[in-house]
Amino acid sequence: AWYVLVIIQPWLIHHKPAKYHKKLGVIGVFLAGAVVFSAFQVMPYQVVNKFLPDVLKYGFSFGDICALTGFSICVILGVLNAKRLNVHARWLIATVFWILLPATARLVYFPLFNAYGGNPPLTYLEVVHLCWFVTTLLPLAYLIYLDYRKDKKIYNSYLFTLIGVSFYTLAIGPMGQWQWWIDICHNIIGKGM
């Protein structure tokens, strides 16, 4: 639903009166809250999942917290910059990159897992890194390049998102092995179970 909203909103602002864009924007704020709330409700199940390897279980919990935090920051800054159209639009476009990676990694890995009879040529973490490169690094670098070429400016939204998503993606492996983080997952996140 969030992706549909991000696609519809630019069309609305260009083809319909601004009041429709604003009304849907208010609904969007509540939808963003629902995205974050529902994801936090699922996290405790991930921590106690017996089928996931520890590196993924705890690493993904860290990645999820980072992704939801970054997504929330982008939504808030998008709303706060509503009167500055270029800045507003870029903050809201950036939200997509925070939550795109987990979905695309699953869409790539599980068919691969099934096609290879449970023994795919890439690990799940390798698929995550590959998807990060294709769905985050390349598109954001290109958007930054286009903005710089056109406006001679690098927008904070894209830079923040590029650094943040890259950080949490590359930190999934190490965070999944660090005992202090594993303890936090069991004592705080896992307590929701």
C-alpha atoms as a PDB file:
ATOM      1  CA  ALA A   1       0.000   0.000   0.000  1.00  0.00           C
ATOM      2  CA  TRP A   2       2.869   2.392   0.782  1.00  0.00           C
ATOM      3  CA  TYR A   3       4.400   1.919  -2.668  1.00  0.00           C
ATOM      4  CA  VAL A   4       1.050   2.597  -4.337  1.00  0.00           C
ATOM      5  CA  LEU A   5       0.694   5.803  -2.311  1.00  0.00           C
ATOM      6  CA  VAL A   6       4.170   6.996  -3.312  1.00  0.00           C
ATOM      7  CA  ILE A   7       3.246   6.390  -6.970  1.00  0.00           C
ATOM      8  CA  ILE A   8      -0.215   8.006  -6.814  1.00  0.00           C
ATOM      9  CA  GLN A   9       0.782  11.148  -4.914  1.00  0.00           C
ATOM     10  CA  PRO A  10       2.979  12.730  -7.641  1.00  0.00           C
ATOM     11  CA  TRP A  11       0.278  12.033 -10.211  1.00  0.00           C
ATOM     12  CA  LEU A  12      -2.345  13.682  -7.995  1.00  0.00           C
ATOM     13  CA  ILE A  13      -0.317  16.840  -7.429  1.00  0.00           C
ATOM     14  CA  HIS A  14       0.139  17.285 -11.194  1.00  0.00           C
ATOM     15  CA  HIS A  15      -3.323  16.286 -12.433  1.00  0.00           C
ATOM     16  CA  LYS A  16      -5.815  17.138  -9.679  1.00  0.00           C
ATOM     17  CA  PRO A  17      -6.344  19.993  -7.220  1.00  0.00           C
ATOM     18  CA  ALA A  18      -3.784  20.059  -4.392  1.00  0.00           C
ATOM     19  CA  LYS A  19      -6.484  19.343  -1.798  1.00  0.00           C
ATOM     20  CA  TYR A  20      -6.608  15.686  -2.949  1.00  0.00           C
ATOM     21  CA  HIS A  21      -2.859  15.331  -2.558  1.00  0.00           C
ATOM     22  CA  LYS A  22      -3.066  16.821   0.934  1.00  0.00           C
ATOM     23  CA  LYS A  23      -5.959  14.587   2.013  1.00  0.00           C
ATOM     24  CA  LEU A  24      -4.203  11.479   0.762  1.00  0.00           C
ATOM     25  CA  GLY A  25      -1.039  12.736   2.451  1.00  0.00           C
ATOM     26  CA  VAL A  26      -2.809  12.741   5.828  1.00  0.00           C
ATOM     27  CA  ILE A  27      -3.952   9.178   5.186  1.00  0.00           C
ATOM     28  CA  GLY A  28      -0.354   8.400   4.204  1.00  0.00           C
ATOM     29  CA  VAL A  29       0.955   9.508   7.589  1.00  0.00           C
ATOM     30  CA  PHE A  30      -1.379   7.024   9.270  1.00  0.00           C
ATOM     31  CA  LEU A  31      -0.416   4.347   6.740  1.00  0.00           C
ATOM     32  CA  ALA A  32       3.263   4.956   7.496  1.00  0.00           C
ATOM     33  CA  GLY A  33       2.522   4.532  11.186  1.00  0.00           C
ATOM     34  CA  ALA A  34       0.720   1.268  10.430  1.00  0.00           C
ATOM     35  CA  VAL A  35       3.717   0.017   8.418  1.00  0.00           C
ATOM     36  CA  VAL A  36       6.058   0.693  11.321  1.00  0.00           C
ATOM     37  CA  PHE A  37       3.674  -0.637  13.982  1.00  0.00           C
ATOM     38  CA  SER A  38       2.966  -3.874  12.114  1.00  0.00           C
ATOM     39  CA  ALA A  39       6.661  -4.516  11.438  1.00  0.00           C
ATOM     40  CA  PHE A  40       7.495  -4.073  15.123  1.00  0.00           C
ATOM     41  CA  GLN A  41       4.744  -6.570  15.961  1.00  0.00           C
ATOM     42  CA  VAL A  42       6.425  -9.227  13.797  1.00  0.00           C
ATOM     43  CA  MET A  43       9.961  -8.737  15.154  1.00  0.00           C
ATOM     44  CA  PRO A  44       9.543 -10.803  18.351  1.00  0.00           C
ATOM     45  CA  TYR A  45       8.524 -13.809  16.234  1.00  0.00           C
ATOM     46  CA  GLN A  46      11.689 -13.420  14.195  1.00  0.00           C
ATOM     47  CA  VAL A  47      13.888 -13.468  17.307  1.00  0.00           C
ATOM     48  CA  VAL A  48      12.439 -16.751  18.602  1.00  0.00           C
ATOM     49  CA  ASN A  49      12.255 -18.420  15.160  1.00  0.00           C
ATOM     50  CA  LYS A  50      13.998 -21.805  15.467  1.00  0.00           C
ATOM     51  CA  PHE A  51      14.375 -22.232  11.692  1.00  0.00           C
ATOM     52  CA  LEU A  52      16.443 -19.111  10.984  1.00  0.00           C
ATOM     53  CA  PRO A  53      20.209 -19.267  11.555  1.00  0.00           C
ATOM     54  CA  ASP A  54      21.304 -17.005  14.425  1.00  0.00           C
ATOM     55  CA  VAL A  55      23.241 -14.672  12.137  1.00  0.00           C
ATOM     56  CA  LEU A  56      20.083 -13.957  10.159  1.00  0.00           C
ATOM     57  CA  LYS A  57      17.704 -13.940  13.105  1.00  0.00           C
ATOM     58  CA  TYR A  58      19.638 -11.335  15.088  1.00  0.00           C
ATOM     59  CA  GLY A  59      21.152  -9.513  12.122  1.00  0.00           C
ATOM     60  CA  PHE A  60      17.754  -9.019  10.514  1.00  0.00           C
ATOM     61  CA  SER A  61      16.340  -7.720  13.791  1.00  0.00           C
ATOM     62  CA  PHE A  62      19.029  -5.037  13.740  1.00  0.00           C
ATOM     63  CA  GLY A  63      18.377  -4.326  10.064  1.00  0.00           C
ATOM     64  CA  ASP A  64      14.630  -4.095  10.665  1.00  0.00           C
ATOM     65  CA  ILE A  65      15.078  -1.564  13.473  1.00  0.00           C
ATOM     66  CA  CYS A  66      17.386   0.537  11.292  1.00  0.00           C
ATOM     67  CA  ALA A  67      15.045   0.307   8.299  1.00  0.00           C
ATOM     68  CA  LEU A  68      11.973   1.286  10.312  1.00  0.00           C
ATOM     69  CA  THR A  69      13.827   4.152  11.966  1.00  0.00           C
ATOM     70  CA  GLY A  70      15.148   5.463   8.643  1.00  0.00           C
ATOM     71  CA  PHE A  71      11.724   5.068   7.025  1.00  0.00           C
ATOM     72  CA  SER A  72      10.112   7.008   9.893  1.00  0.00           C
ATOM     73  CA  ILE A  73      12.693   9.796   9.729  1.00  0.00           C
ATOM     74  CA  CYS A  74      12.113  10.174   5.977  1.00  0.00           C
ATOM     75  CA  VAL A  75       8.330  10.331   6.437  1.00  0.00           C
ATOM     76  CA  ILE A  76       8.636  12.937   9.199  1.00  0.00           C
ATOM     77  CA  LEU A  77      11.093  15.080   7.230  1.00  0.00           C
ATOM     78  CA  GLY A  78       8.916  14.740   4.130  1.00  0.00           C
ATOM     79  CA  VAL A  79       5.921  16.059   6.058  1.00  0.00           C
ATOM     80  CA  LEU A  80       7.938  18.855   7.679  1.00  0.00           C
ATOM     81  CA  ASN A  81       9.163  19.962   4.236  1.00  0.00           C
ATOM     82  CA  ALA A  82       5.738  19.881   2.566  1.00  0.00           C
ATOM     83  CA  LYS A  83       6.060  23.482   1.359  1.00  0.00           C
ATOM     84  CA  ARG A  84       9.423  22.836  -0.344  1.00  0.00           C
ATOM     85  CA  LEU A  85       8.239  20.533  -3.144  1.00  0.00           C
ATOM     86  CA  ASN A  86      11.654  19.246  -4.325  1.00  0.00           C
ATOM     87  CA  VAL A  87      12.766  18.431  -0.794  1.00  0.00           C
ATOM     88  CA  HIS A  88       9.366  17.009   0.214  1.00  0.00           C
ATOM     89  CA  ALA A  89       9.215  14.702  -2.797  1.00  0.00           C
ATOM     90  CA  ARG A  90      12.741  13.393  -2.325  1.00  0.00           C
ATOM     91  CA  TRP A  91      12.234  12.563   1.351  1.00  0.00           C
ATOM     92  CA  LEU A  92       9.124  10.576   0.486  1.00  0.00           C
ATOM     93  CA  ILE A  93      10.773   8.834  -2.467  1.00  0.00           C
ATOM     94  CA  ALA A  94      13.610   7.883  -0.095  1.00  0.00           C
ATOM     95  CA  THR A  95      11.145   5.997   2.137  1.00  0.00           C
ATOM     96  CA  VAL A  96      10.828   3.326  -0.529  1.00  0.00           C
ATOM     97  CA  PHE A  97      14.508   2.378  -0.313  1.00  0.00           C
ATOM     98  CA  TRP A  98      14.367   1.763   3.442  1.00  0.00           C
ATOM     99  CA  ILE A  99      11.733  -0.955   3.158  1.00  0.00           C
ATOM    100  CA  LEU A 100      12.416  -2.285  -0.345  1.00  0.00           C
ATOM    101  CA  LEU A 101      15.447  -4.441   0.436  1.00  0.00           C
ATOM    102  CA  PRO A 102      13.861  -7.043   2.743  1.00  0.00           C
ATOM    103  CA  ALA A 103      11.033  -7.657   0.267  1.00  0.00           C
ATOM    104  CA  THR A 104      13.260  -7.940  -2.796  1.00  0.00           C
ATOM    105  CA  ALA A 105      15.692 -10.265  -1.016  1.00  0.00           C
ATOM    106  CA  ARG A 106      12.819 -12.617  -0.178  1.00  0.00           C
ATOM    107  CA  LEU A 107      11.460 -12.413  -3.724  1.00  0.00           C
ATOM    108  CA  VAL A 108      14.859 -13.447  -5.077  1.00  0.00           C
ATOM    109  CA  TYR A 109      15.964 -15.974  -2.457  1.00  0.00           C
ATOM    110  CA  PHE A 110      12.893 -18.156  -1.918  1.00  0.00           C
ATOM    111  CA  PRO A 111      12.342 -19.022  -5.604  1.00  0.00           C
ATOM    112  CA  LEU A 112      16.104 -19.658  -5.845  1.00  0.00           C
ATOM    113  CA  PHE A 113      15.893 -21.876  -2.752  1.00  0.00           C
ATOM    114  CA  ASN A 114      13.020 -23.867  -4.279  1.00  0.00           C
ATOM    115  CA  ALA A 115      14.604 -24.075  -7.735  1.00  0.00           C
ATOM    116  CA  TYR A 116      17.770 -25.609  -6.275  1.00  0.00           C
ATOM    117  CA  GLY A 117      15.968 -28.052  -3.996  1.00  0.00           C
ATOM    118  CA  GLY A 118      16.914 -26.251  -0.800  1.00  0.00           C
ATOM    119  CA  ASN A 119      20.587 -25.805  -1.708  1.00  0.00           C
ATOM    120  CA  PRO A 120      20.848 -22.504  -3.651  1.00  0.00           C
ATOM    121  CA  PRO A 121      24.203 -21.288  -5.001  1.00  0.00           C
ATOM    122  CA  LEU A 122      23.950 -18.090  -2.911  1.00  0.00           C
ATOM    123  CA  THR A 123      23.350 -17.718   0.796  1.00  0.00           C
ATOM    124  CA  TYR A 124      20.494 -15.539   1.973  1.00  0.00           C
ATOM    125  CA  LEU A 125      22.968 -12.904   3.150  1.00  0.00           C
ATOM    126  CA  GLU A 126      24.656 -12.891  -0.276  1.00  0.00           C
ATOM    127  CA  VAL A 127      21.250 -12.358  -1.881  1.00  0.00           C
ATOM    128  CA  VAL A 128      20.604  -9.455   0.517  1.00  0.00           C
ATOM    129  CA  HIS A 129      23.911  -7.857  -0.511  1.00  0.00           C
ATOM    130  CA  LEU A 130      23.166  -8.401  -4.197  1.00  0.00           C
ATOM    131  CA  CYS A 131      19.689  -6.882  -3.844  1.00  0.00           C
ATOM    132  CA  TRP A 132      21.148  -3.927  -1.919  1.00  0.00           C
ATOM    133  CA  PHE A 133      23.534  -3.254  -4.787  1.00  0.00           C
ATOM    134  CA  VAL A 134      20.828  -3.508  -7.469  1.00  0.00           C
ATOM    135  CA  THR A 135      17.827  -1.934  -5.679  1.00  0.00           C
ATOM    136  CA  THR A 136      19.514   0.655  -3.468  1.00  0.00           C
ATOM    137  CA  LEU A 137      23.101   1.524  -4.311  1.00  0.00           C
ATOM    138  CA  LEU A 138      22.728   1.855  -8.088  1.00  0.00           C
ATOM    139  CA  PRO A 139      19.349   3.679  -8.136  1.00  0.00           C
ATOM    140  CA  LEU A 140      20.271   6.113  -5.352  1.00  0.00           C
ATOM    141  CA  ALA A 141      23.662   6.840  -6.896  1.00  0.00           C
ATOM    142  CA  TYR A 142      21.876   7.541 -10.174  1.00  0.00           C
ATOM    143  CA  LEU A 143      19.287   9.813  -8.522  1.00  0.00           C
ATOM    144  CA  ILE A 144      22.068  11.709  -6.745  1.00  0.00           C
ATOM    145  CA  TYR A 145      23.906  12.068 -10.060  1.00  0.00           C
ATOM    146  CA  LEU A 146      20.779  13.355 -11.852  1.00  0.00           C
ATOM    147  CA  ASP A 147      20.075  15.926  -9.144  1.00  0.00           C
ATOM    148  CA  TYR A 148      23.655  17.097  -9.117  1.00  0.00           C
ATOM    149  CA  ARG A 149      23.738  17.368 -12.904  1.00  0.00           C
ATOM    150  CA  LYS A 150      20.470  19.337 -12.963  1.00  0.00           C
ATOM    151  CA  ASP A 151      20.576  21.397  -9.751  1.00  0.00           C
ATOM    152  CA  LYS A 152      24.281  21.202  -8.794  1.00  0.00           C
ATOM    153  CA  LYS A 153      23.000  19.929  -5.461  1.00  0.00           C
ATOM    154  CA  ILE A 154      23.048  16.706  -3.477  1.00  0.00           C
ATOM    155  CA  TYR A 155      19.814  16.313  -1.537  1.00  0.00           C
ATOM    156  CA  ASN A 156      20.179  15.155   2.066  1.00  0.00           C
ATOM    157  CA  SER A 157      17.322  12.666   1.699  1.00  0.00           C
ATOM    158  CA  TYR A 158      19.115  10.515  -0.850  1.00  0.00           C
ATOM    159  CA  LEU A 159      22.488  10.798   0.866  1.00  0.00           C
ATOM    160  CA  PHE A 160      21.001   9.912   4.267  1.00  0.00           C
ATOM    161  CA  THR A 161      19.196   6.935   2.744  1.00  0.00           C
ATOM    162  CA  LEU A 162      22.220   5.712   0.794  1.00  0.00           C
ATOM    163  CA  ILE A 163      24.424   5.806   3.884  1.00  0.00           C
ATOM    164  CA  GLY A 164      21.767   4.404   6.226  1.00  0.00           C
ATOM    165  CA  VAL A 165      20.604   1.493   4.067  1.00  0.00           C
ATOM    166  CA  SER A 166      24.198   0.637   3.169  1.00  0.00           C
ATOM    167  CA  PHE A 167      25.147   0.655   6.850  1.00  0.00           C
ATOM    168  CA  TYR A 168      22.361  -1.616   8.010  1.00  0.00           C
ATOM    169  CA  THR A 169      22.786  -3.971   5.055  1.00  0.00           C
ATOM    170  CA  LEU A 170      26.494  -4.438   5.637  1.00  0.00           C
ATOM    171  CA  ALA A 171      25.992  -4.677   9.419  1.00  0.00           C
ATOM    172  CA  ILE A 172      23.483  -7.559   9.298  1.00  0.00           C
ATOM    173  CA  GLY A 173      26.213 -10.230   9.325  1.00  0.00           C
ATOM    174  CA  PRO A 174      28.353  -8.834  12.170  1.00  0.00           C
ATOM    175  CA  MET A 175      25.352  -7.809  14.300  1.00  0.00           C
ATOM    176  CA  GLY A 176      23.993 -11.338  14.044  1.00  0.00           C
ATOM    177  CA  GLN A 177      27.128 -12.617  15.783  1.00  0.00           C
ATOM    178  CA  TRP A 178      27.689 -10.062  18.542  1.00  0.00           C
ATOM    179  CA  GLN A 179      26.603 -11.368  21.928  1.00  0.00           C
ATOM    180  CA  TRP A 180      25.625  -7.965  23.321  1.00  0.00           C
ATOM    181  CA  TRP A 181      23.121  -7.568  20.463  1.00  0.00           C
ATOM    182  CA  ILE A 182      21.869 -11.135  20.834  1.00  0.00           C
ATOM    183  CA  ASP A 183      21.231 -10.405  24.528  1.00  0.00           C
ATOM    184  CA  ILE A 184      19.276  -7.247  23.624  1.00  0.00           C
ATOM    185  CA  CYS A 185      17.201  -9.246  21.143  1.00  0.00           C
ATOM    186  CA  HIS A 186      16.286 -11.850  23.766  1.00  0.00           C
ATOM    187  CA  ASN A 187      15.806  -9.476  26.706  1.00  0.00           C
ATOM    188  CA  ILE A 188      13.891  -6.709  24.932  1.00  0.00           C
ATOM    189  CA  ILE A 189      12.632  -7.685  21.473  1.00  0.00           C
ATOM    190  CA  GLY A 190      11.953 -11.345  22.289  1.00  0.00           C
ATOM    191  CA  LYS A 191      10.004 -10.390  25.423  1.00  0.00           C
ATOM    192  CA  GLY A 192       7.109  -9.528  23.118  1.00  0.00           C
ATOM    193  CA  MET A 193       6.470 -13.253  22.773  1.00  0.00           C
END
